[in-house]
N, C-alpha and C. Protein backbone atom coordinates (compact mmCIF):
# COMPACT_ATOMS: atom_id res chain seq x y z
N MET A 1 90.45 112.01 106.17
CA MET A 1 89.89 113.12 106.92
C MET A 1 89.61 114.26 105.96
N ARG A 2 88.50 114.90 106.15
CA ARG A 2 88.11 116.02 105.30
C ARG A 2 88.02 117.28 106.14
N ILE A 3 88.77 118.28 105.73
CA ILE A 3 88.72 119.60 106.36
C ILE A 3 88.44 120.59 105.24
N ALA A 4 87.45 121.40 105.40
CA ALA A 4 87.15 122.41 104.38
C ALA A 4 86.60 123.65 105.07
N GLY A 5 86.83 124.78 104.45
CA GLY A 5 86.31 126.02 104.99
C GLY A 5 87.10 126.54 106.17
N VAL A 6 88.43 126.55 106.07
CA VAL A 6 89.28 127.01 107.17
C VAL A 6 89.97 128.31 106.78
N GLU A 7 89.96 129.25 107.70
CA GLU A 7 90.68 130.51 107.53
C GLU A 7 91.63 130.66 108.71
N PHE A 8 92.94 130.71 108.43
CA PHE A 8 93.95 130.91 109.47
C PHE A 8 94.23 132.40 109.60
N TYR A 9 94.60 132.82 110.81
CA TYR A 9 95.02 134.20 111.01
C TYR A 9 95.83 134.29 112.30
N ARG A 10 96.55 135.40 112.42
CA ARG A 10 97.33 135.64 113.64
C ARG A 10 96.61 136.68 114.47
N TYR A 11 96.60 136.45 115.76
CA TYR A 11 96.01 137.39 116.71
C TYR A 11 96.86 137.36 117.97
N ASN A 12 97.35 138.52 118.39
CA ASN A 12 98.22 138.60 119.58
C ASN A 12 99.37 137.61 119.51
N SER A 13 100.01 137.53 118.36
CA SER A 13 101.17 136.67 118.08
C SER A 13 100.87 135.17 118.14
N GLU A 14 99.62 134.80 118.23
CA GLU A 14 99.22 133.38 118.22
C GLU A 14 98.56 133.05 116.88
N VAL A 15 98.56 131.78 116.53
CA VAL A 15 97.85 131.33 115.33
C VAL A 15 96.44 130.94 115.74
N TRP A 16 95.48 131.49 115.02
CA TRP A 16 94.06 131.19 115.23
C TRP A 16 93.49 130.68 113.93
N TYR A 17 92.34 130.05 114.01
CA TYR A 17 91.65 129.62 112.80
C TYR A 17 90.15 129.70 113.01
N ARG A 18 89.47 129.94 111.89
CA ARG A 18 88.01 129.93 111.88
C ARG A 18 87.61 128.68 111.11
N TYR A 19 86.81 127.84 111.75
CA TYR A 19 86.39 126.57 111.15
C TYR A 19 85.04 126.20 111.73
N SER A 20 84.12 125.83 110.88
CA SER A 20 82.77 125.45 111.30
C SER A 20 82.11 126.55 112.14
N GLY A 21 82.37 127.80 111.76
CA GLY A 21 81.73 128.92 112.44
C GLY A 21 82.35 129.31 113.77
N LYS A 22 83.39 128.61 114.20
CA LYS A 22 84.03 128.92 115.48
C LYS A 22 85.44 129.46 115.25
N HIS A 23 85.86 130.35 116.13
CA HIS A 23 87.23 130.86 116.13
C HIS A 23 87.96 130.18 117.28
N GLU A 24 89.09 129.56 116.96
CA GLU A 24 89.86 128.86 118.00
C GLU A 24 91.34 129.11 117.81
N MET A 25 92.05 129.13 118.92
CA MET A 25 93.50 129.26 118.86
C MET A 25 94.08 127.88 118.54
N LEU A 26 95.09 127.85 117.67
CA LEU A 26 95.77 126.61 117.36
C LEU A 26 96.64 126.23 118.55
N THR A 27 96.41 125.05 119.08
CA THR A 27 97.20 124.53 120.20
C THR A 27 97.65 123.12 119.85
N GLU A 28 98.47 122.56 120.70
CA GLU A 28 98.91 121.18 120.44
C GLU A 28 97.75 120.19 120.56
N ASN A 29 96.60 120.63 121.07
CA ASN A 29 95.42 119.78 121.17
C ASN A 29 94.44 119.97 120.01
N SER A 30 94.80 120.77 119.01
CA SER A 30 93.95 121.00 117.83
C SER A 30 94.15 119.84 116.85
N ASP A 31 93.79 118.65 117.31
CA ASP A 31 94.11 117.42 116.58
C ASP A 31 93.62 117.39 115.13
N GLU A 32 92.38 117.78 114.91
CA GLU A 32 91.81 117.66 113.57
C GLU A 32 92.57 118.53 112.56
N ILE A 33 92.84 119.77 112.91
CA ILE A 33 93.56 120.69 112.03
C ILE A 33 95.01 120.26 111.88
N ILE A 34 95.65 119.90 112.98
CA ILE A 34 97.06 119.49 112.92
C ILE A 34 97.20 118.22 112.08
N ASP A 35 96.32 117.24 112.26
CA ASP A 35 96.39 116.02 111.46
C ASP A 35 96.23 116.33 109.97
N TYR A 36 95.26 117.18 109.65
CA TYR A 36 95.04 117.54 108.25
C TYR A 36 96.27 118.23 107.68
N MET A 37 96.80 119.22 108.38
CA MET A 37 97.94 119.98 107.87
C MET A 37 99.20 119.12 107.80
N MET A 38 99.40 118.22 108.74
CA MET A 38 100.56 117.32 108.67
C MET A 38 100.45 116.42 107.45
N ASN A 39 99.26 115.89 107.20
CA ASN A 39 99.05 115.07 106.01
C ASN A 39 99.32 115.88 104.74
N PHE A 40 98.83 117.11 104.72
CA PHE A 40 99.07 118.00 103.59
C PHE A 40 100.56 118.22 103.38
N LEU A 41 101.28 118.52 104.45
CA LEU A 41 102.71 118.77 104.34
C LEU A 41 103.47 117.54 103.86
N VAL A 42 103.21 116.40 104.47
CA VAL A 42 103.92 115.18 104.12
C VAL A 42 103.68 114.79 102.67
N ASN A 43 102.43 114.90 102.21
CA ASN A 43 102.09 114.42 100.89
C ASN A 43 102.20 115.45 99.77
N ARG A 44 102.07 116.74 100.09
CA ARG A 44 102.02 117.72 99.02
C ARG A 44 103.09 118.81 99.09
N CYS A 45 103.73 118.96 100.23
CA CYS A 45 104.80 119.96 100.38
C CYS A 45 105.99 119.30 101.09
N THR A 46 106.49 118.25 100.50
CA THR A 46 107.52 117.42 101.13
C THR A 46 108.77 118.21 101.50
N GLU A 47 109.21 119.08 100.61
CA GLU A 47 110.41 119.87 100.88
C GLU A 47 110.22 120.77 102.10
N ALA A 48 109.06 121.40 102.20
CA ALA A 48 108.76 122.24 103.36
C ALA A 48 108.69 121.39 104.62
N TYR A 49 108.05 120.23 104.53
CA TYR A 49 107.95 119.34 105.68
C TYR A 49 109.35 118.94 106.18
N ASN A 50 110.22 118.54 105.26
CA ASN A 50 111.58 118.13 105.64
C ASN A 50 112.34 119.28 106.29
N ALA A 51 112.18 120.49 105.76
CA ALA A 51 112.85 121.66 106.35
C ALA A 51 112.32 121.91 107.77
N LEU A 52 111.02 121.83 107.95
CA LEU A 52 110.43 122.04 109.27
C LEU A 52 110.88 120.98 110.26
N CYS A 53 111.03 119.75 109.79
CA CYS A 53 111.55 118.69 110.68
C CYS A 53 112.96 119.01 111.13
N LYS A 54 113.77 119.59 110.25
CA LYS A 54 115.14 119.99 110.63
C LYS A 54 115.10 121.11 111.67
N ILE A 55 114.20 122.05 111.48
CA ILE A 55 114.09 123.17 112.42
C ILE A 55 113.73 122.67 113.82
N TYR A 56 112.82 121.70 113.89
CA TYR A 56 112.33 121.22 115.18
C TYR A 56 112.88 119.85 115.55
N VAL A 57 114.05 119.52 115.05
CA VAL A 57 114.64 118.20 115.28
C VAL A 57 114.85 117.91 116.77
N LYS A 58 115.10 118.91 117.57
CA LYS A 58 115.39 118.69 118.99
C LYS A 58 114.15 118.58 119.86
N VAL A 59 112.98 118.82 119.29
CA VAL A 59 111.74 118.69 120.06
C VAL A 59 111.39 117.21 120.16
N GLU A 60 111.45 116.67 121.36
CA GLU A 60 111.26 115.23 121.54
C GLU A 60 109.79 114.83 121.67
N ASN A 61 108.97 115.71 122.21
CA ASN A 61 107.55 115.42 122.37
C ASN A 61 106.88 115.50 120.99
N ILE A 62 106.42 114.36 120.48
CA ILE A 62 105.88 114.27 119.12
C ILE A 62 104.67 115.19 118.94
N ARG A 63 103.79 115.22 119.91
CA ARG A 63 102.60 116.06 119.82
C ARG A 63 102.99 117.54 119.71
N LEU A 64 103.93 117.95 120.54
CA LEU A 64 104.41 119.33 120.53
C LEU A 64 105.16 119.63 119.23
N LYS A 65 105.93 118.69 118.75
CA LYS A 65 106.68 118.87 117.50
C LYS A 65 105.72 119.07 116.33
N ARG A 66 104.67 118.26 116.25
CA ARG A 66 103.68 118.39 115.18
C ARG A 66 103.01 119.77 115.24
N PHE A 67 102.69 120.21 116.46
CA PHE A 67 102.09 121.54 116.64
C PHE A 67 103.03 122.62 116.12
N TRP A 68 104.31 122.58 116.50
CA TRP A 68 105.25 123.62 116.08
C TRP A 68 105.45 123.61 114.56
N ILE A 69 105.47 122.43 113.97
CA ILE A 69 105.62 122.32 112.51
C ILE A 69 104.43 122.99 111.82
N VAL A 70 103.23 122.65 112.24
CA VAL A 70 102.02 123.22 111.62
C VAL A 70 101.95 124.71 111.90
N SER A 71 102.23 125.12 113.13
CA SER A 71 102.17 126.53 113.49
C SER A 71 103.13 127.35 112.64
N ARG A 72 104.34 126.87 112.48
CA ARG A 72 105.33 127.60 111.66
C ARG A 72 104.89 127.67 110.21
N PHE A 73 104.40 126.56 109.67
CA PHE A 73 103.95 126.54 108.28
C PHE A 73 102.81 127.53 108.07
N VAL A 74 101.86 127.55 109.00
CA VAL A 74 100.73 128.47 108.90
C VAL A 74 101.22 129.91 109.00
N ARG A 75 102.11 130.20 109.95
CA ARG A 75 102.64 131.57 110.10
C ARG A 75 103.34 132.04 108.82
N CYS A 76 104.00 131.13 108.14
CA CYS A 76 104.77 131.49 106.95
C CYS A 76 103.92 131.57 105.67
N ASN A 77 102.73 131.00 105.68
CA ASN A 77 101.95 130.92 104.45
C ASN A 77 100.53 131.47 104.53
N PHE A 78 100.06 131.73 105.72
CA PHE A 78 98.73 132.28 105.91
C PHE A 78 98.88 133.37 106.97
N GLY A 79 97.84 133.91 107.44
CA GLY A 79 98.02 134.83 108.55
C GLY A 79 97.11 136.02 108.57
N ILE A 80 96.50 136.36 107.45
CA ILE A 80 95.58 137.47 107.48
C ILE A 80 94.16 136.93 107.31
N ILE A 81 93.26 137.49 108.04
CA ILE A 81 91.87 137.08 107.90
C ILE A 81 91.29 137.87 106.73
N ASP A 82 90.78 137.15 105.75
CA ASP A 82 90.24 137.81 104.57
C ASP A 82 89.03 137.02 104.07
N GLN A 83 88.53 137.37 102.92
CA GLN A 83 87.32 136.73 102.39
C GLN A 83 87.62 135.44 101.63
N LYS A 84 88.90 135.15 101.37
CA LYS A 84 89.26 133.93 100.64
C LYS A 84 89.75 132.89 101.65
N LEU A 85 89.04 131.78 101.73
CA LEU A 85 89.41 130.74 102.69
C LEU A 85 90.79 130.18 102.38
N ASP A 86 91.55 129.85 103.42
CA ASP A 86 92.86 129.26 103.23
C ASP A 86 92.75 127.79 102.80
N ILE A 87 91.78 127.09 103.34
CA ILE A 87 91.43 125.76 102.84
C ILE A 87 89.96 125.88 102.46
N ASP A 88 89.70 125.91 101.15
CA ASP A 88 88.34 126.19 100.72
C ASP A 88 87.46 124.94 100.77
N ASN A 89 86.24 125.07 100.34
CA ASN A 89 85.28 123.97 100.44
C ASN A 89 85.61 122.77 99.56
N ASP A 90 86.51 122.96 98.58
CA ASP A 90 86.98 121.86 97.74
C ASP A 90 88.29 121.29 98.27
N GLU A 91 88.71 121.76 99.45
CA GLU A 91 89.97 121.38 100.08
C GLU A 91 91.19 121.85 99.30
N SER A 92 91.03 122.88 98.47
CA SER A 92 92.18 123.51 97.82
C SER A 92 92.79 124.47 98.83
N VAL A 93 94.11 124.54 98.82
CA VAL A 93 94.82 125.40 99.75
C VAL A 93 95.22 126.68 99.02
N ASN A 94 94.89 127.81 99.61
CA ASN A 94 95.16 129.13 99.02
C ASN A 94 96.21 129.85 99.85
N PHE A 95 97.44 129.84 99.36
CA PHE A 95 98.53 130.48 100.08
C PHE A 95 98.43 132.00 99.98
N GLU A 96 98.96 132.68 101.00
CA GLU A 96 98.98 134.13 101.05
C GLU A 96 100.44 134.58 101.16
N PHE A 97 100.75 135.75 100.65
CA PHE A 97 102.08 136.31 100.85
C PHE A 97 102.11 136.92 102.24
N VAL A 98 102.95 136.40 103.09
CA VAL A 98 103.02 136.85 104.49
C VAL A 98 104.23 137.76 104.66
N GLN A 99 103.99 138.94 105.23
CA GLN A 99 105.09 139.84 105.56
C GLN A 99 105.90 139.20 106.68
N CYS A 100 107.18 139.05 106.48
CA CYS A 100 108.02 138.39 107.47
C CYS A 100 109.27 139.23 107.71
N PRO A 101 109.64 139.46 108.97
CA PRO A 101 110.84 140.25 109.24
C PRO A 101 112.13 139.54 108.80
N LEU A 102 112.04 138.25 108.51
CA LEU A 102 113.23 137.51 108.10
C LEU A 102 113.34 137.33 106.58
N ARG A 103 112.44 137.98 105.81
CA ARG A 103 112.52 137.89 104.33
C ARG A 103 113.91 138.30 103.89
N GLY A 104 114.51 137.48 103.07
CA GLY A 104 115.85 137.77 102.57
C GLY A 104 116.95 137.23 103.46
N GLU A 105 116.60 136.80 104.66
CA GLU A 105 117.60 136.28 105.60
C GLU A 105 117.33 134.84 106.02
N CYS A 106 116.09 134.42 105.91
CA CYS A 106 115.69 133.10 106.40
C CYS A 106 116.31 132.00 105.55
N LYS A 107 116.90 131.05 106.21
CA LYS A 107 117.52 129.90 105.55
C LYS A 107 116.50 129.10 104.74
N TYR A 108 115.25 129.13 105.16
CA TYR A 108 114.22 128.31 104.51
C TYR A 108 113.21 129.14 103.70
N GLU A 109 113.61 130.36 103.31
CA GLU A 109 112.74 131.18 102.48
C GLU A 109 112.49 130.47 101.15
N ASN A 110 111.26 130.48 100.70
CA ASN A 110 110.81 129.78 99.49
C ASN A 110 110.93 128.26 99.59
N VAL A 111 111.09 127.79 100.80
CA VAL A 111 111.00 126.35 101.07
C VAL A 111 109.81 126.14 102.00
N VAL A 112 109.85 126.79 103.17
CA VAL A 112 108.73 126.71 104.10
C VAL A 112 107.65 127.70 103.68
N CYS A 113 108.05 128.95 103.40
CA CYS A 113 107.09 129.91 102.87
C CYS A 113 107.10 129.76 101.35
N ASN A 114 105.96 129.95 100.75
CA ASN A 114 105.85 129.81 99.30
C ASN A 114 106.40 128.45 98.85
N PRO A 115 105.91 127.35 99.43
CA PRO A 115 106.50 126.04 99.19
C PRO A 115 106.27 125.52 97.77
N THR A 116 107.19 124.64 97.37
CA THR A 116 107.04 123.93 96.11
C THR A 116 106.02 122.83 96.32
N PHE A 117 105.11 122.72 95.40
CA PHE A 117 104.05 121.74 95.49
C PHE A 117 104.52 120.40 94.97
N ASN A 118 104.25 119.34 95.71
CA ASN A 118 104.62 117.98 95.33
C ASN A 118 103.36 117.21 95.00
N SER A 119 103.19 116.90 93.74
CA SER A 119 101.95 116.23 93.33
C SER A 119 102.09 114.72 93.27
N LYS A 120 103.30 114.20 93.41
CA LYS A 120 103.56 112.76 93.32
C LYS A 120 103.19 112.19 91.95
N VAL A 121 103.16 113.04 90.97
CA VAL A 121 102.87 112.61 89.61
C VAL A 121 104.22 112.34 88.95
N SER A 122 104.33 111.22 88.23
CA SER A 122 105.59 110.86 87.59
C SER A 122 105.95 111.87 86.50
N GLU A 123 107.19 111.86 86.06
CA GLU A 123 107.63 112.78 85.02
C GLU A 123 106.84 112.58 83.73
N THR A 124 106.58 111.33 83.37
CA THR A 124 105.79 111.05 82.16
C THR A 124 104.38 111.59 82.31
N GLU A 125 103.77 111.37 83.48
CA GLU A 125 102.43 111.88 83.74
C GLU A 125 102.41 113.40 83.69
N LYS A 126 103.46 114.05 84.23
CA LYS A 126 103.55 115.51 84.17
C LYS A 126 103.61 115.99 82.73
N GLN A 127 104.36 115.27 81.92
CA GLN A 127 104.49 115.63 80.50
C GLN A 127 103.12 115.56 79.82
N VAL A 128 102.36 114.51 80.11
CA VAL A 128 101.03 114.35 79.53
C VAL A 128 100.11 115.45 80.06
N LEU A 129 100.13 115.69 81.37
CA LEU A 129 99.26 116.71 81.96
C LEU A 129 99.57 118.10 81.43
N LYS A 130 100.83 118.38 81.18
CA LYS A 130 101.20 119.69 80.64
C LYS A 130 100.55 119.88 79.27
N LEU A 131 100.54 118.84 78.46
CA LEU A 131 99.91 118.93 77.14
C LEU A 131 98.39 119.05 77.26
N VAL A 132 97.80 118.35 78.23
CA VAL A 132 96.36 118.50 78.49
C VAL A 132 96.09 119.95 78.88
N PHE A 133 96.92 120.47 79.77
CA PHE A 133 96.78 121.84 80.26
C PHE A 133 96.87 122.84 79.10
N GLU A 134 97.74 122.53 78.14
CA GLU A 134 97.93 123.41 76.98
C GLU A 134 96.82 123.27 75.95
N GLY A 135 95.91 122.31 76.17
CA GLY A 135 94.74 122.21 75.31
C GLY A 135 94.82 121.15 74.22
N TYR A 136 95.81 120.30 74.25
CA TYR A 136 95.93 119.25 73.23
C TYR A 136 94.93 118.13 73.51
N SER A 137 94.44 117.51 72.46
CA SER A 137 93.51 116.37 72.59
C SER A 137 94.31 115.10 72.89
N ILE A 138 93.63 114.06 73.28
CA ILE A 138 94.29 112.78 73.55
C ILE A 138 95.01 112.27 72.32
N ASP A 139 94.38 112.37 71.15
CA ASP A 139 95.02 111.91 69.92
C ASP A 139 96.27 112.73 69.60
N GLU A 140 96.19 114.04 69.81
CA GLU A 140 97.36 114.90 69.55
C GLU A 140 98.50 114.58 70.52
N ILE A 141 98.16 114.34 71.78
CA ILE A 141 99.18 113.97 72.77
C ILE A 141 99.79 112.63 72.40
N SER A 142 98.94 111.71 72.00
CA SER A 142 99.38 110.38 71.58
C SER A 142 100.39 110.48 70.43
N ASP A 143 100.08 111.29 69.43
CA ASP A 143 100.99 111.48 68.30
C ASP A 143 102.30 112.13 68.73
N ARG A 144 102.20 113.16 69.55
CA ARG A 144 103.39 113.90 70.00
C ARG A 144 104.35 113.03 70.81
N LEU A 145 103.79 112.17 71.66
CA LEU A 145 104.62 111.37 72.57
C LEU A 145 104.86 109.95 72.07
N CYS A 146 104.32 109.64 70.89
CA CYS A 146 104.48 108.30 70.31
C CYS A 146 104.00 107.22 71.27
N ARG A 147 102.84 107.43 71.83
CA ARG A 147 102.19 106.48 72.72
C ARG A 147 100.77 106.26 72.21
N SER A 148 100.18 105.15 72.59
CA SER A 148 98.82 104.88 72.16
C SER A 148 97.84 105.78 72.92
N PRO A 149 96.71 106.09 72.33
CA PRO A 149 95.69 106.87 73.05
C PRO A 149 95.27 106.19 74.36
N TYR A 150 95.25 104.86 74.37
CA TYR A 150 94.91 104.10 75.57
C TYR A 150 95.90 104.43 76.69
N THR A 151 97.20 104.46 76.37
CA THR A 151 98.24 104.78 77.36
C THR A 151 98.08 106.20 77.87
N ILE A 152 97.79 107.13 76.97
CA ILE A 152 97.61 108.53 77.35
C ILE A 152 96.42 108.65 78.30
N ARG A 153 95.31 107.98 77.98
CA ARG A 153 94.13 108.00 78.86
C ARG A 153 94.48 107.44 80.24
N ASN A 154 95.27 106.36 80.27
CA ASN A 154 95.69 105.78 81.57
C ASN A 154 96.54 106.77 82.36
N HIS A 155 97.47 107.45 81.69
CA HIS A 155 98.30 108.45 82.38
C HIS A 155 97.43 109.55 82.97
N ILE A 156 96.47 110.02 82.19
CA ILE A 156 95.57 111.08 82.65
C ILE A 156 94.74 110.59 83.84
N SER A 157 94.16 109.41 83.70
CA SER A 157 93.32 108.84 84.75
C SER A 157 94.12 108.64 86.05
N ASN A 158 95.31 108.05 85.93
CA ASN A 158 96.16 107.82 87.11
C ASN A 158 96.56 109.14 87.77
N SER A 159 96.86 110.14 86.95
CA SER A 159 97.24 111.45 87.48
C SER A 159 96.09 112.10 88.22
N TYR A 160 94.90 112.00 87.67
CA TYR A 160 93.73 112.60 88.33
C TYR A 160 93.51 111.98 89.71
N VAL A 161 93.70 110.66 89.81
CA VAL A 161 93.56 109.99 91.10
C VAL A 161 94.60 110.54 92.08
N LYS A 162 95.85 110.64 91.64
CA LYS A 162 96.92 111.14 92.50
C LYS A 162 96.67 112.58 92.96
N LEU A 163 96.09 113.37 92.07
CA LEU A 163 95.84 114.78 92.39
C LEU A 163 94.51 114.99 93.11
N GLY A 164 93.68 113.96 93.12
CA GLY A 164 92.38 114.08 93.78
C GLY A 164 91.37 114.88 92.99
N VAL A 165 91.49 114.85 91.66
CA VAL A 165 90.52 115.54 90.81
C VAL A 165 89.75 114.50 90.01
N HIS A 166 88.58 114.90 89.50
CA HIS A 166 87.70 113.92 88.85
C HIS A 166 87.36 114.26 87.40
N SER A 167 87.80 115.42 86.93
CA SER A 167 87.46 115.82 85.57
C SER A 167 88.53 116.76 85.04
N LYS A 168 88.48 117.00 83.74
CA LYS A 168 89.42 117.92 83.13
C LYS A 168 89.22 119.33 83.70
N ALA A 169 87.98 119.73 83.90
CA ALA A 169 87.71 121.06 84.45
C ALA A 169 88.31 121.20 85.85
N GLU A 170 88.15 120.17 86.69
CA GLU A 170 88.75 120.19 88.04
C GLU A 170 90.27 120.25 87.93
N PHE A 171 90.83 119.46 86.99
CA PHE A 171 92.28 119.46 86.82
C PHE A 171 92.78 120.84 86.41
N MET A 172 92.11 121.48 85.46
CA MET A 172 92.54 122.79 84.99
C MET A 172 92.52 123.80 86.14
N ASP A 173 91.47 123.76 86.94
CA ASP A 173 91.36 124.64 88.09
C ASP A 173 92.48 124.34 89.09
N TYR A 174 92.70 123.07 89.35
CA TYR A 174 93.74 122.62 90.28
C TYR A 174 95.13 123.07 89.80
N ALA A 175 95.39 122.89 88.50
CA ALA A 175 96.70 123.25 87.94
C ALA A 175 96.93 124.76 88.04
N HIS A 176 95.89 125.54 87.79
CA HIS A 176 96.01 127.01 87.93
C HIS A 176 96.28 127.39 89.38
N LYS A 177 95.49 126.85 90.31
CA LYS A 177 95.62 127.22 91.73
C LYS A 177 96.98 126.83 92.29
N ASN A 178 97.49 125.68 91.85
CA ASN A 178 98.75 125.17 92.40
C ASN A 178 99.96 125.49 91.54
N LYS A 179 99.75 126.29 90.49
CA LYS A 179 100.84 126.74 89.61
C LYS A 179 101.70 125.56 89.16
N MET A 180 101.04 124.53 88.64
CA MET A 180 101.77 123.33 88.21
C MET A 180 102.64 123.58 87.00
N PHE A 181 102.22 124.47 86.12
CA PHE A 181 102.97 124.69 84.87
C PHE A 181 103.25 126.16 84.66
């Protein structure tokens, strides 16, 4: 599923979003947005997802539970309508600092809000990507890590697939936006 060009905001204590030129309130029937955000949480913000599941563990209705999980995540990480899309046209997610009355008291501060990004990249792949990010060539990385250039290229290629990027330029942009290093 592809979702791009979404701006979340709060209005009258409800979560709203602007998508495809329309403004709509987030409800348990907002299937497309909820499915996208649940997939994002499960695959890229696992720690936040697990915390939200603990918060809503007693909600038995799955549809309602998914809505509350997404609604809480959006409230904690987005919320102001501005010129920068929360999910931009490249499907990059742009978090916002949200003023919260529970800052400093919330059990899940810096878990649900300001979540740690999970890229599913192995430790070895992260090591290679960090060197790519720092500007080292494949041969230099190969020498530093005592691996063949072929292996380094495979690590880079596999990592790009996992991250959903297609070039070094996309990776550099992705790494900056997601604060990987």
